[in-house]
Amino acid sequence: MAKLSNEAIAKIFYFQQQLLEKLDEATATNFQLLEQYGETAETLPELDELQRIVERANSYYTRFYVTLRQLYEAQPTARRDSLELLVKYMDEAEVTIAAIQASLQEIKRNWNLP
């Protein structure tokens, strides 16, 4: 079994929390955009982008969940490639969360959404 440090676990859970918050923000923004402007040729690119944001957030959240579960189920020890994959996901998640936030801010600014 792989025992990760408390700091590593906390960082992963922090990323998962951030991903859930971005997922919530993207779906709320999608709802607001549809309610205020409807599904039109002008809103379609942003609605598509919001869907991609939801998919990316879900993907990274799931990656953490699956990889952590696999690491803690591994006996007698976790495979090195699984640990390396987790580190890679952590690096990517940090960048992805920042990119998602930037996209959300741009969409909200473009359409004057709160």
Protein backbone atom coordinates (compact mmCIF):
# COMPACT_ATOMS: atom_id res chain seq x y z
CA MET A 1 0.00 0.00 0.00
CA ALA A 2 1.24 3.48 -0.75
CA LYS A 3 1.12 5.93 2.08
CA LEU A 4 1.16 9.48 0.86
CA SER A 5 2.18 12.32 3.10
CA ASN A 6 -0.55 14.34 4.78
CA GLU A 7 0.62 17.33 2.73
CA ALA A 8 0.21 15.44 -0.55
CA ILE A 9 -3.25 14.22 0.42
CA ALA A 10 -4.26 17.73 1.50
CA LYS A 11 -3.05 19.16 -1.81
CA ILE A 12 -5.00 16.57 -3.79
CA PHE A 13 -8.15 17.24 -1.78
CA TYR A 14 -7.60 20.97 -2.27
CA PHE A 15 -7.40 20.43 -6.04
CA GLN A 16 -10.54 18.32 -5.95
CA GLN A 17 -12.34 21.04 -4.02
CA GLN A 18 -11.19 23.67 -6.52
CA LEU A 19 -12.35 21.50 -9.41
CA LEU A 20 -15.77 21.06 -7.81
CA GLU A 21 -16.03 24.81 -7.28
CA LYS A 22 -15.12 25.48 -10.93
CA LEU A 23 -17.65 22.87 -12.01
CA ASP A 24 -20.30 24.64 -9.95
CA GLU A 25 -19.29 28.04 -11.32
CA ALA A 26 -19.34 26.78 -14.92
CA THR A 27 -22.79 25.23 -14.59
CA ALA A 28 -24.13 28.34 -12.85
CA THR A 29 -22.66 30.55 -15.58
CA ASN A 30 -24.17 28.28 -18.22
CA PHE A 31 -27.56 28.63 -16.55
CA GLN A 32 -27.27 32.42 -16.27
CA LEU A 33 -26.20 32.78 -19.89
CA LEU A 34 -29.09 30.66 -21.10
CA GLU A 35 -31.60 32.44 -18.87
CA GLN A 36 -30.52 35.94 -19.86
CA TYR A 37 -29.62 35.49 -23.52
CA GLY A 38 -30.85 32.09 -24.63
CA GLU A 39 -29.15 29.67 -26.97
CA THR A 40 -28.25 31.79 -29.96
CA ALA A 41 -25.50 31.91 -32.56
CA GLU A 42 -23.80 34.53 -30.36
CA THR A 43 -23.95 32.50 -27.13
CA LEU A 44 -23.18 29.10 -28.64
CA PRO A 45 -19.35 29.44 -28.51
CA GLU A 46 -19.47 30.32 -24.81
CA LEU A 47 -21.97 27.56 -24.05
CA ASP A 48 -19.66 25.10 -25.80
CA GLU A 49 -16.68 26.42 -23.84
CA LEU A 50 -18.61 26.06 -20.59
CA GLN A 51 -19.36 22.44 -21.49
CA ARG A 52 -15.66 21.82 -22.15
CA ILE A 53 -14.85 23.38 -18.77
CA VAL A 54 -17.29 21.04 -17.04
CA GLU A 55 -15.77 18.05 -18.83
CA ARG A 56 -12.20 19.06 -17.92
CA ALA A 57 -13.09 19.63 -14.27
CA ASN A 58 -14.88 16.28 -14.11
CA SER A 59 -11.98 14.54 -15.82
CA TYR A 60 -9.35 15.81 -13.39
CA TYR A 61 -11.55 15.20 -10.36
CA THR A 62 -12.08 11.62 -11.49
CA ARG A 63 -8.38 11.12 -12.24
CA PHE A 64 -7.51 12.01 -8.66
CA TYR A 65 -10.22 9.80 -7.23
CA VAL A 66 -9.29 6.76 -9.32
CA THR A 67 -5.53 7.15 -8.91
CA LEU A 68 -5.72 7.64 -5.14
CA ARG A 69 -7.97 4.62 -4.75
CA GLN A 70 -5.60 2.51 -6.84
CA LEU A 71 -2.60 3.68 -4.84
CA TYR A 72 -4.20 2.81 -1.53
CA GLU A 73 -5.41 -0.57 -2.77
CA ALA A 74 -1.98 -1.55 -4.12
CA GLN A 75 -0.28 -4.34 -2.19
CA PRO A 76 2.39 -4.72 -1.02
CA THR A 77 3.43 -1.35 -2.47
CA ALA A 78 2.20 1.00 -5.15
CA ARG A 79 3.78 0.92 -8.55
CA ARG A 80 6.20 3.74 -9.25
CA ASP A 81 4.38 4.72 -12.45
CA SER A 82 1.16 5.24 -10.46
CA LEU A 83 2.94 7.64 -8.13
CA GLU A 84 4.50 9.46 -11.07
CA LEU A 85 1.10 9.69 -12.71
CA LEU A 86 -0.35 11.25 -9.58
CA VAL A 87 2.41 13.87 -9.53
CA LYS A 88 1.75 14.60 -13.20
CA TYR A 89 -1.97 15.03 -12.50
CA MET A 90 -1.20 17.42 -9.66
CA ASP A 91 1.01 19.56 -11.89
CA GLU A 92 -1.57 19.56 -14.67
CA ALA A 93 -4.47 20.27 -12.31
CA GLU A 94 -2.84 23.43 -11.02
CA VAL A 95 -2.50 24.80 -14.55
CA THR A 96 -5.95 23.55 -15.58
CA ILE A 97 -7.69 25.21 -12.63
CA ALA A 98 -6.03 28.53 -13.48
CA ALA A 99 -7.03 28.19 -17.14
CA ILE A 100 -10.60 27.32 -16.21
CA GLN A 101 -10.80 30.36 -13.95
CA ALA A 102 -9.49 32.63 -16.70
CA SER A 103 -12.05 31.25 -19.18
CA LEU A 104 -14.89 31.68 -16.72
CA GLN A 105 -13.91 35.27 -15.98
CA GLU A 106 -13.69 36.08 -19.68
CA ILE A 107 -17.13 34.61 -20.43
CA LYS A 108 -18.69 36.47 -17.50
CA ARG A 109 -17.02 39.72 -18.52
CA ASN A 110 -18.09 39.34 -22.16
CA TRP A 111 -21.72 38.82 -21.20
CA ASN A 112 -21.85 41.03 -18.07
CA LEU A 113 -22.66 38.14 -15.77
CA PRO A 114 -22.07 38.26 -12.02
